[in-house]
């Protein structure tokens, strides 16, 4: 390819030198003003001529830190919601066990508490304490293990109760 003369463009000679030799066009000779700026920027080592200096990669660090913080917050919220669910399960198991034991109060402490144990077990709980005082039953049920364990206490009996030790009638709040 040779030839040191100027390239004639757009003429009938099809891009030949003044001496008539064929010459190939380089890609940069056909690039407009916008491409030339990009080419200059590429020579400087950055995209579009911008240098990032000390900030290069800072957005990645901030993004990783934000994801880590969000993950920790999500984990704490998940643990708190699980603890609340366990507490509600324990309350439900205690309430149902107390009602079941109160229904069977005539079977005595052993019969009433046996029924409460069965009902608490059906609610994925365990009976921790069961006391029968006349017609009123006081039970404590537990659900879960380890860090996510909850114990709840519940009482059940008739709305109007005659306590044997006081020999008086007590009307519980909310009863008519």
N, C-alpha and C. Protein backbone atom coordinates (compact mmCIF):
# COMPACT_ATOMS: atom_id res chain seq x y z
N UNK A 1 0.85 -1.12 0.00
CA UNK A 1 0.00 0.00 0.00
C UNK A 1 0.89 1.18 0.00
N UNK A 2 1.55 1.74 0.18
CA UNK A 2 2.52 2.78 0.11
C UNK A 2 1.92 4.08 -0.32
N UNK A 3 2.76 4.98 -0.77
CA UNK A 3 2.31 6.28 -1.20
C UNK A 3 2.28 7.25 -0.06
N UNK A 4 2.97 8.36 -0.32
CA UNK A 4 3.04 9.33 0.75
C UNK A 4 2.19 10.55 0.47
N UNK A 5 1.49 10.55 -0.61
CA UNK A 5 0.73 11.73 -0.97
C UNK A 5 -0.58 11.83 -0.20
N UNK A 6 -1.22 12.97 -0.36
CA UNK A 6 -2.49 13.16 0.34
C UNK A 6 -3.56 12.26 -0.24
N UNK A 7 -4.50 11.89 0.59
CA UNK A 7 -5.60 11.03 0.16
C UNK A 7 -6.69 11.90 -0.41
N UNK A 8 -7.13 11.53 -1.57
CA UNK A 8 -8.24 12.23 -2.18
C UNK A 8 -9.51 11.48 -1.82
N UNK A 9 -10.48 12.17 -1.34
CA UNK A 9 -11.69 11.46 -0.92
C UNK A 9 -12.88 11.98 -1.69
N UNK A 10 -13.83 11.10 -1.88
CA UNK A 10 -15.10 11.47 -2.47
C UNK A 10 -15.04 11.69 -3.96
N UNK A 11 -13.92 11.56 -4.59
CA UNK A 11 -13.82 11.80 -6.01
C UNK A 11 -14.01 10.52 -6.79
N UNK A 12 -13.80 10.63 -8.09
CA UNK A 12 -13.96 9.48 -8.96
C UNK A 12 -12.82 8.50 -8.80
N UNK A 13 -11.71 8.95 -8.20
CA UNK A 13 -10.57 8.06 -8.08
C UNK A 13 -10.75 7.04 -6.96
N UNK A 14 -11.78 7.16 -6.09
CA UNK A 14 -12.09 6.15 -5.08
C UNK A 14 -11.09 6.10 -3.96
N UNK A 15 -10.51 7.20 -3.56
CA UNK A 15 -9.62 7.24 -2.42
C UNK A 15 -8.20 6.87 -2.77
N UNK A 16 -7.70 7.39 -3.84
CA UNK A 16 -6.32 7.11 -4.25
C UNK A 16 -5.45 8.30 -3.91
N UNK A 17 -4.19 8.03 -3.82
CA UNK A 17 -3.24 9.11 -3.56
C UNK A 17 -3.03 9.91 -4.82
N UNK A 18 -2.33 11.02 -4.68
CA UNK A 18 -2.07 11.87 -5.84
C UNK A 18 -1.24 11.13 -6.87
N UNK A 19 -0.48 10.13 -6.42
CA UNK A 19 0.34 9.35 -7.34
C UNK A 19 -0.44 8.22 -7.98
N UNK A 20 -1.70 8.01 -7.63
CA UNK A 20 -2.52 6.99 -8.25
C UNK A 20 -2.54 5.67 -7.50
N UNK A 21 -1.82 5.54 -6.38
CA UNK A 21 -1.82 4.27 -5.66
C UNK A 21 -3.06 4.17 -4.77
N UNK A 22 -3.57 2.97 -4.65
CA UNK A 22 -4.74 2.74 -3.80
C UNK A 22 -4.31 2.80 -2.34
N UNK A 23 -5.13 3.39 -1.55
CA UNK A 23 -4.80 3.50 -0.14
C UNK A 23 -6.05 3.24 0.69
N UNK A 24 -5.88 2.47 1.74
CA UNK A 24 -7.06 2.17 2.57
C UNK A 24 -7.27 3.31 3.57
N UNK A 25 -8.51 3.52 3.87
CA UNK A 25 -8.83 4.56 4.85
C UNK A 25 -8.78 3.95 6.25
N UNK A 26 -8.24 4.69 7.13
CA UNK A 26 -8.27 4.23 8.52
C UNK A 26 -9.64 4.58 9.11
N UNK A 27 -10.02 3.86 10.14
CA UNK A 27 -11.33 4.07 10.76
C UNK A 27 -11.42 5.47 11.37
N UNK A 28 -10.33 5.98 11.88
CA UNK A 28 -10.38 7.29 12.52
C UNK A 28 -10.57 8.41 11.51
N UNK A 29 -10.24 8.20 10.22
CA UNK A 29 -10.42 9.27 9.25
C UNK A 29 -11.88 9.46 8.91
N UNK A 30 -12.73 8.46 9.13
CA UNK A 30 -14.14 8.61 8.80
C UNK A 30 -14.99 8.90 10.02
N UNK A 31 -14.38 9.02 11.21
CA UNK A 31 -15.13 9.27 12.43
C UNK A 31 -15.39 10.76 12.55
N UNK A 32 -16.60 11.13 12.98
CA UNK A 32 -16.94 12.53 13.12
C UNK A 32 -16.35 13.13 14.38
N UNK A 33 -16.80 14.33 14.72
CA UNK A 33 -16.25 15.06 15.86
C UNK A 33 -16.56 14.35 17.17
N UNK A 34 -17.73 13.74 17.30
CA UNK A 34 -18.09 13.05 18.55
C UNK A 34 -17.20 11.84 18.75
N UNK A 35 -16.95 11.08 17.69
CA UNK A 35 -16.08 9.91 17.80
C UNK A 35 -14.66 10.30 18.11
N UNK A 36 -14.23 11.44 17.63
CA UNK A 36 -12.86 11.88 17.88
C UNK A 36 -12.66 12.18 19.35
N UNK A 37 -13.68 12.75 20.01
CA UNK A 37 -13.57 13.04 21.44
C UNK A 37 -13.50 11.74 22.21
N UNK A 38 -14.31 10.77 21.81
CA UNK A 38 -14.26 9.46 22.46
C UNK A 38 -12.91 8.80 22.29
N UNK A 39 -12.32 8.95 21.11
CA UNK A 39 -11.01 8.36 20.87
C UNK A 39 -9.95 9.04 21.71
N UNK A 40 -10.06 10.33 21.88
CA UNK A 40 -9.10 11.03 22.73
C UNK A 40 -9.25 10.58 24.16
N UNK A 41 -10.52 10.41 24.61
CA UNK A 41 -10.76 9.94 25.97
C UNK A 41 -10.20 8.56 26.18
N UNK A 42 -10.27 7.71 25.17
CA UNK A 42 -9.73 6.36 25.30
C UNK A 42 -8.23 6.40 25.44
N UNK A 43 -7.59 7.38 24.81
CA UNK A 43 -6.14 7.50 24.94
C UNK A 43 -5.74 7.90 26.35
N UNK A 44 -6.61 8.63 27.04
CA UNK A 44 -6.29 9.06 28.40
C UNK A 44 -6.48 7.93 29.41
N UNK A 45 -7.14 6.89 29.04
CA UNK A 45 -7.29 5.76 29.96
C UNK A 45 -8.62 5.70 30.66
N UNK A 46 -9.55 6.55 30.33
CA UNK A 46 -10.86 6.52 30.99
C UNK A 46 -11.97 6.55 29.96
N UNK A 47 -13.17 6.34 30.39
CA UNK A 47 -14.30 6.40 29.47
C UNK A 47 -14.73 7.84 29.31
N UNK A 48 -14.79 8.28 28.11
CA UNK A 48 -15.26 9.62 27.83
C UNK A 48 -14.34 10.70 28.38
N UNK A 49 -13.11 10.37 28.68
CA UNK A 49 -12.16 11.35 29.15
C UNK A 49 -12.26 11.67 30.62
N UNK A 50 -13.13 11.01 31.39
CA UNK A 50 -13.28 11.30 32.82
C UNK A 50 -12.40 10.38 33.63
N UNK A 51 -11.72 10.93 34.59
CA UNK A 51 -10.93 10.13 35.52
C UNK A 51 -11.65 10.11 36.86
N UNK A 52 -11.68 8.93 37.49
CA UNK A 52 -12.39 8.78 38.76
C UNK A 52 -11.47 8.97 39.95
N UNK A 53 -10.23 8.78 39.80
CA UNK A 53 -9.28 9.00 40.88
C UNK A 53 -9.57 8.12 42.09
N UNK A 54 -9.66 8.73 43.28
CA UNK A 54 -9.85 7.99 44.53
C UNK A 54 -11.25 7.41 44.68
N UNK A 55 -12.24 7.92 43.97
CA UNK A 55 -13.62 7.46 44.11
C UNK A 55 -13.93 6.20 43.31
N UNK A 56 -12.99 5.69 42.60
CA UNK A 56 -13.25 4.52 41.75
C UNK A 56 -13.63 3.34 42.63
N UNK A 57 -14.84 2.76 42.44
CA UNK A 57 -15.31 1.60 43.20
C UNK A 57 -16.04 1.96 44.48
N UNK A 58 -16.19 3.23 44.79
CA UNK A 58 -16.85 3.65 46.03
C UNK A 58 -18.33 3.28 46.02
N UNK A 59 -18.97 3.34 44.88
CA UNK A 59 -20.39 2.98 44.79
C UNK A 59 -20.59 1.51 45.11
N UNK A 60 -19.68 0.68 44.72
CA UNK A 60 -19.77 -0.75 45.02
C UNK A 60 -19.69 -0.99 46.52
N UNK A 61 -18.79 -0.30 47.18
CA UNK A 61 -18.65 -0.44 48.63
C UNK A 61 -19.92 0.01 49.33
N UNK A 62 -20.47 1.15 48.91
CA UNK A 62 -21.70 1.64 49.52
C UNK A 62 -22.87 0.68 49.26
N UNK A 63 -22.94 0.12 48.08
CA UNK A 63 -24.00 -0.83 47.76
C UNK A 63 -23.90 -2.09 48.62
N UNK A 64 -22.69 -2.59 48.80
CA UNK A 64 -22.49 -3.78 49.63
C UNK A 64 -22.86 -3.47 51.07
N UNK A 65 -22.48 -2.30 51.57
CA UNK A 65 -22.84 -1.92 52.94
C UNK A 65 -24.34 -1.77 53.10
N UNK A 66 -25.01 -1.20 52.12
CA UNK A 66 -26.47 -1.04 52.19
C UNK A 66 -27.17 -2.39 52.19
N UNK A 67 -26.70 -3.31 51.37
CA UNK A 67 -27.29 -4.65 51.34
C UNK A 67 -27.06 -5.36 52.67
N UNK A 68 -25.88 -5.20 53.26
CA UNK A 68 -25.60 -5.83 54.55
C UNK A 68 -26.50 -5.27 55.65
N UNK A 69 -26.67 -3.97 55.68
CA UNK A 69 -27.54 -3.35 56.69
C UNK A 69 -28.98 -3.80 56.49
N UNK A 70 -29.45 -3.83 55.26
CA UNK A 70 -30.81 -4.29 55.00
C UNK A 70 -30.98 -5.75 55.39
N UNK A 71 -29.97 -6.56 55.16
CA UNK A 71 -30.04 -7.97 55.57
C UNK A 71 -30.13 -8.12 57.07
N UNK A 72 -29.37 -7.32 57.81
CA UNK A 72 -29.42 -7.37 59.27
C UNK A 72 -30.79 -6.91 59.78
N UNK A 73 -31.30 -5.82 59.24
CA UNK A 73 -32.62 -5.33 59.64
C UNK A 73 -33.68 -6.37 59.33
N UNK A 74 -33.62 -6.98 58.17
CA UNK A 74 -34.59 -8.01 57.79
C UNK A 74 -34.50 -9.20 58.75
N UNK A 75 -33.29 -9.61 59.12
CA UNK A 75 -33.12 -10.72 60.05
C UNK A 75 -33.69 -10.43 61.42
N UNK A 76 -33.48 -9.21 61.92
CA UNK A 76 -34.03 -8.82 63.23
C UNK A 76 -35.56 -8.80 63.18
N UNK A 77 -36.13 -8.24 62.12
CA UNK A 77 -37.59 -8.22 61.99
C UNK A 77 -38.16 -9.62 61.88
N UNK A 78 -37.47 -10.49 61.19
CA UNK A 78 -37.93 -11.88 61.07
C UNK A 78 -37.90 -12.58 62.42
N UNK A 79 -36.85 -12.37 63.20
CA UNK A 79 -36.76 -12.98 64.53
C UNK A 79 -37.84 -12.44 65.46
N UNK A 80 -38.10 -11.13 65.40
CA UNK A 80 -39.13 -10.55 66.25
C UNK A 80 -40.51 -11.07 65.87
N UNK A 81 -40.78 -11.21 64.61
CA UNK A 81 -42.09 -11.71 64.20
C UNK A 81 -42.25 -13.18 64.58
N UNK A 82 -41.17 -13.96 64.51
CA UNK A 82 -41.25 -15.37 64.93
C UNK A 82 -41.51 -15.46 66.43
N UNK A 83 -40.88 -14.60 67.22
CA UNK A 83 -41.12 -14.59 68.67
C UNK A 83 -42.57 -14.23 68.97
N UNK A 84 -43.14 -13.30 68.20
CA UNK A 84 -44.52 -12.93 68.42
C UNK A 84 -45.46 -14.08 68.06
N UNK A 85 -45.16 -14.80 67.00
CA UNK A 85 -45.99 -15.95 66.62
C UNK A 85 -45.94 -17.01 67.71
N UNK A 86 -44.75 -17.29 68.25
CA UNK A 86 -44.62 -18.29 69.32
C UNK A 86 -45.41 -17.86 70.55
N UNK A 87 -45.36 -16.57 70.88
CA UNK A 87 -46.12 -16.07 72.03
C UNK A 87 -47.61 -16.25 71.82
N UNK A 88 -48.11 -15.96 70.64
CA UNK A 88 -49.53 -16.13 70.35
C UNK A 88 -49.93 -17.60 70.38
N UNK A 89 -49.07 -18.48 69.90
CA UNK A 89 -49.35 -19.92 69.98
C UNK A 89 -49.44 -20.38 71.42
N UNK A 90 -48.54 -19.88 72.27
CA UNK A 90 -48.56 -20.24 73.69
C UNK A 90 -49.83 -19.73 74.36
N UNK A 91 -50.25 -18.52 74.03
CA UNK A 91 -51.48 -17.97 74.60
C UNK A 91 -52.69 -18.79 74.17
N UNK A 92 -52.73 -19.16 72.91
CA UNK A 92 -53.85 -19.98 72.42
C UNK A 92 -53.87 -21.35 73.08
N UNK A 93 -52.70 -21.96 73.21
CA UNK A 93 -52.63 -23.28 73.86
C UNK A 93 -53.06 -23.19 75.31
N UNK A 94 -52.65 -22.15 76.03
CA UNK A 94 -53.03 -21.98 77.43
C UNK A 94 -54.53 -21.73 77.57
N UNK A 95 -55.09 -20.89 76.71
CA UNK A 95 -56.52 -20.61 76.77
C UNK A 95 -57.36 -21.86 76.51
N UNK A 96 -57.01 -22.58 75.46
CA UNK A 96 -57.79 -23.79 75.13
C UNK A 96 -57.62 -24.88 76.18
N UNK A 97 -56.41 -25.02 76.72
CA UNK A 97 -56.18 -26.02 77.77
C UNK A 97 -56.97 -25.67 79.02
N UNK A 98 -57.02 -24.38 79.37
CA UNK A 98 -57.79 -23.97 80.54
C UNK A 98 -59.28 -24.23 80.34
N UNK A 99 -59.78 -23.93 79.16
CA UNK A 99 -61.20 -24.19 78.88
C UNK A 99 -61.52 -25.68 78.93
N UNK A 100 -60.64 -26.48 78.37
CA UNK A 100 -60.86 -27.94 78.39
C UNK A 100 -60.82 -28.47 79.81
N UNK A 101 -59.89 -27.99 80.62
CA UNK A 101 -59.80 -28.44 82.02
C UNK A 101 -61.00 -27.96 82.81
N UNK A 102 -61.47 -26.75 82.56
CA UNK A 102 -62.64 -26.23 83.28
C UNK A 102 -63.89 -27.02 82.93
N UNK A 103 -63.96 -27.49 81.71
CA UNK A 103 -65.12 -28.31 81.31
C UNK A 103 -65.13 -29.65 82.04
N UNK A 104 -63.95 -30.16 82.40
CA UNK A 104 -63.84 -31.46 83.07
C UNK A 104 -63.47 -31.31 84.56
N UNK A 105 -63.87 -30.23 85.20
CA UNK A 105 -63.50 -30.00 86.59
C UNK A 105 -64.07 -31.05 87.52
N UNK A 106 -65.18 -31.64 87.14
CA UNK A 106 -65.81 -32.65 88.01
C UNK A 106 -64.98 -33.94 88.07
N UNK A 107 -64.08 -34.16 87.14
CA UNK A 107 -63.21 -35.35 87.15
C UNK A 107 -62.07 -35.18 88.14
N UNK A 108 -61.98 -34.04 88.78
CA UNK A 108 -60.92 -33.80 89.75
C UNK A 108 -59.68 -33.23 89.07
N UNK A 109 -58.68 -32.95 89.90
CA UNK A 109 -57.45 -32.35 89.39
C UNK A 109 -56.78 -33.23 88.35
N UNK A 110 -56.70 -34.54 88.62
CA UNK A 110 -56.01 -35.44 87.68
C UNK A 110 -56.73 -35.51 86.34
N UNK A 111 -58.04 -35.64 86.35
CA UNK A 111 -58.81 -35.74 85.10
C UNK A 111 -58.82 -34.43 84.32
N UNK A 112 -59.00 -33.31 85.02
CA UNK A 112 -59.03 -32.00 84.35
C UNK A 112 -57.67 -31.67 83.75
N UNK A 113 -56.61 -31.95 84.50
CA UNK A 113 -55.27 -31.62 84.00
C UNK A 113 -54.83 -32.56 82.88
N UNK A 114 -55.31 -33.81 82.92
CA UNK A 114 -55.01 -34.74 81.82
C UNK A 114 -55.64 -34.23 80.52
N UNK A 115 -56.86 -33.75 80.63
CA UNK A 115 -57.54 -33.20 79.45
C UNK A 115 -56.82 -31.93 78.95
N UNK A 116 -56.37 -31.09 79.87
CA UNK A 116 -55.63 -29.88 79.50
C UNK A 116 -54.32 -30.24 78.81
N UNK A 117 -53.66 -31.29 79.26
CA UNK A 117 -52.39 -31.73 78.66
C UNK A 117 -52.61 -32.17 77.21
N UNK A 118 -53.70 -32.91 76.97
CA UNK A 118 -54.01 -33.37 75.61
C UNK A 118 -54.28 -32.18 74.69
N UNK A 119 -55.06 -31.22 75.16
CA UNK A 119 -55.41 -30.07 74.34
C UNK A 119 -54.17 -29.20 74.07
N UNK A 120 -53.33 -28.99 75.07
CA UNK A 120 -52.11 -28.20 74.87
C UNK A 120 -51.19 -28.89 73.87
N UNK A 121 -51.09 -30.20 73.93
CA UNK A 121 -50.27 -30.95 72.97
C UNK A 121 -50.80 -30.85 71.56
N UNK A 122 -52.12 -30.81 71.42
CA UNK A 122 -52.72 -30.65 70.08
C UNK A 122 -52.41 -29.28 69.49
N UNK A 123 -52.09 -28.32 70.34
CA UNK A 123 -51.75 -26.97 69.89
C UNK A 123 -50.24 -26.77 69.76
N UNK A 124 -49.48 -27.85 69.68
CA UNK A 124 -48.02 -27.83 69.57
C UNK A 124 -47.36 -27.20 70.81
N UNK A 125 -48.01 -27.40 71.97
CA UNK A 125 -47.48 -26.86 73.21
C UNK A 125 -47.36 -27.97 74.25
N UNK A 126 -46.94 -27.59 75.44
CA UNK A 126 -46.86 -28.54 76.54
C UNK A 126 -47.40 -27.86 77.79
N UNK A 127 -48.03 -28.65 78.63
CA UNK A 127 -48.60 -28.14 79.86
C UNK A 127 -47.50 -28.04 80.91
N UNK A 128 -47.29 -26.86 81.45
CA UNK A 128 -46.25 -26.64 82.45
C UNK A 128 -46.84 -26.73 83.86
N UNK A 129 -48.03 -26.17 84.04
CA UNK A 129 -48.64 -26.13 85.36
C UNK A 129 -50.15 -26.22 85.21
N UNK A 130 -50.79 -26.93 86.13
CA UNK A 130 -52.24 -27.06 86.12
C UNK A 130 -52.72 -27.15 87.57
N UNK A 131 -53.57 -26.20 87.98
CA UNK A 131 -54.10 -26.18 89.34
C UNK A 131 -55.61 -26.02 89.25
N UNK A 132 -56.32 -26.90 89.93
CA UNK A 132 -57.78 -26.84 89.99
C UNK A 132 -58.17 -26.35 91.38
N UNK A 133 -58.90 -25.25 91.42
CA UNK A 133 -59.37 -24.67 92.68
C UNK A 133 -60.88 -24.55 92.59
N UNK A 134 -61.59 -25.54 93.06
CA UNK A 134 -63.04 -25.56 92.90
C UNK A 134 -63.39 -25.78 91.44
N UNK A 135 -64.11 -24.84 90.89
CA UNK A 135 -64.48 -24.92 89.47
C UNK A 135 -63.52 -24.13 88.57
N UNK A 136 -62.58 -23.44 89.15
CA UNK A 136 -61.65 -22.59 88.40
C UNK A 136 -60.35 -23.35 88.18
N UNK A 137 -59.88 -23.31 86.94
CA UNK A 137 -58.64 -23.99 86.58
C UNK A 137 -57.62 -22.93 86.16
N UNK A 138 -56.41 -23.06 86.67
CA UNK A 138 -55.31 -22.15 86.32
C UNK A 138 -54.22 -22.99 85.65
N UNK A 139 -53.94 -22.73 84.38
CA UNK A 139 -52.94 -23.51 83.65
C UNK A 139 -51.88 -22.59 83.07
N UNK A 140 -50.70 -23.16 82.87
CA UNK A 140 -49.61 -22.50 82.16
C UNK A 140 -49.16 -23.43 81.06
N UNK A 141 -49.11 -22.93 79.84
CA UNK A 141 -48.68 -23.72 78.69
C UNK A 141 -47.46 -23.05 78.07
N UNK A 142 -46.58 -23.87 77.52
CA UNK A 142 -45.36 -23.38 76.87
C UNK A 142 -45.31 -23.88 75.43
N UNK A 143 -44.76 -23.04 74.57
CA UNK A 143 -44.58 -23.38 73.15
C UNK A 143 -43.18 -22.95 72.76
N UNK A 144 -42.52 -23.74 71.93
CA UNK A 144 -41.19 -23.39 71.44
C UNK A 144 -40.10 -23.85 72.37
N UNK A 145 -38.86 -23.70 71.89
CA UNK A 145 -37.69 -24.09 72.68
C UNK A 145 -36.58 -23.09 72.45
N UNK A 146 -35.66 -23.06 73.39
CA UNK A 146 -34.49 -22.20 73.24
C UNK A 146 -34.83 -20.74 73.34
N UNK A 147 -34.24 -19.96 72.46
CA UNK A 147 -34.43 -18.52 72.48
C UNK A 147 -35.87 -18.13 72.15
N UNK A 148 -36.57 -18.95 71.38
CA UNK A 148 -37.94 -18.65 70.97
C UNK A 148 -38.93 -19.50 71.73
N UNK A 149 -38.87 -19.49 73.04
CA UNK A 149 -39.82 -20.21 73.89
C UNK A 149 -40.70 -19.19 74.60
N UNK A 150 -41.96 -19.54 74.78
CA UNK A 150 -42.89 -18.65 75.47
C UNK A 150 -43.79 -19.46 76.37
N UNK A 151 -44.06 -18.95 77.56
CA UNK A 151 -45.00 -19.55 78.50
C UNK A 151 -46.10 -18.54 78.76
N UNK A 152 -47.34 -19.01 78.73
CA UNK A 152 -48.48 -18.14 78.98
C UNK A 152 -49.40 -18.80 80.00
N UNK A 153 -50.00 -17.99 80.83
CA UNK A 153 -50.88 -18.47 81.89
C UNK A 153 -52.31 -18.10 81.53
N UNK A 154 -53.25 -18.99 81.87
CA UNK A 154 -54.65 -18.72 81.59
C UNK A 154 -55.51 -19.35 82.68
N UNK A 155 -56.62 -18.69 82.95
CA UNK A 155 -57.59 -19.21 83.93
C UNK A 155 -58.93 -19.37 83.25
N UNK A 156 -59.68 -20.39 83.69
CA UNK A 156 -61.02 -20.60 83.13
C UNK A 156 -61.92 -21.17 84.22
N UNK A 157 -63.17 -20.84 84.14
CA UNK A 157 -64.17 -21.32 85.09
C UNK A 157 -65.48 -20.61 84.82
N UNK A 158 -66.46 -20.86 85.63
CA UNK A 158 -67.76 -20.20 85.44
C UNK A 158 -67.66 -18.70 85.74
N UNK A 159 -68.61 -17.94 85.22
CA UNK A 159 -68.61 -16.49 85.43
C UNK A 159 -68.88 -16.14 86.89
N UNK A 160 -69.71 -16.90 87.57
CA UNK A 160 -69.98 -16.67 88.98
C UNK A 160 -69.35 -17.82 89.76
N UNK A 161 -68.47 -17.47 90.70
CA UNK A 161 -67.71 -18.49 91.40
C UNK A 161 -67.92 -18.32 92.90
N UNK A 162 -68.14 -19.43 93.60
CA UNK A 162 -68.16 -19.42 95.04
C UNK A 162 -66.83 -20.01 95.50
N UNK A 163 -66.01 -19.17 96.09
CA UNK A 163 -64.70 -19.62 96.54
C UNK A 163 -64.87 -20.35 97.87
N UNK A 164 -64.32 -21.57 98.00
CA UNK A 164 -64.52 -22.34 99.22
C UNK A 164 -63.89 -21.69 100.45
N UNK A 165 -62.73 -21.06 100.32
CA UNK A 165 -62.06 -20.49 101.48
C UNK A 165 -62.74 -19.20 101.96
N UNK A 166 -63.32 -18.41 101.06
CA UNK A 166 -63.95 -17.16 101.45
C UNK A 166 -65.43 -17.33 101.72
N UNK A 167 -66.02 -18.37 101.20
CA UNK A 167 -67.46 -18.65 101.33
C UNK A 167 -68.31 -17.44 100.91
N UNK A 168 -67.89 -16.83 99.83
CA UNK A 168 -68.66 -15.72 99.29
C UNK A 168 -68.71 -15.85 97.78
N UNK A 169 -69.65 -15.17 97.16
CA UNK A 169 -69.80 -15.23 95.71
C UNK A 169 -69.07 -14.04 95.09
N UNK A 170 -68.25 -14.34 94.09
CA UNK A 170 -67.50 -13.30 93.38
C UNK A 170 -67.99 -13.30 91.94
N UNK A 171 -68.38 -12.13 91.46
CA UNK A 171 -68.80 -12.00 90.07
C UNK A 171 -67.60 -11.42 89.31
N UNK A 172 -67.13 -12.20 88.35
CA UNK A 172 -65.96 -11.78 87.59
C UNK A 172 -66.31 -10.67 86.62
N UNK A 173 -65.37 -9.77 86.32
CA UNK A 173 -65.64 -8.66 85.38
C UNK A 173 -66.06 -9.20 84.02
N UNK A 174 -67.03 -8.53 83.44
CA UNK A 174 -67.49 -8.92 82.12
C UNK A 174 -68.60 -9.95 82.16
N UNK A 175 -68.91 -10.51 83.32
CA UNK A 175 -69.98 -11.51 83.44
C UNK A 175 -71.27 -10.81 83.87
N UNK A 176 -72.40 -11.38 83.48
CA UNK A 176 -73.70 -10.79 83.87
C UNK A 176 -74.41 -11.72 84.79
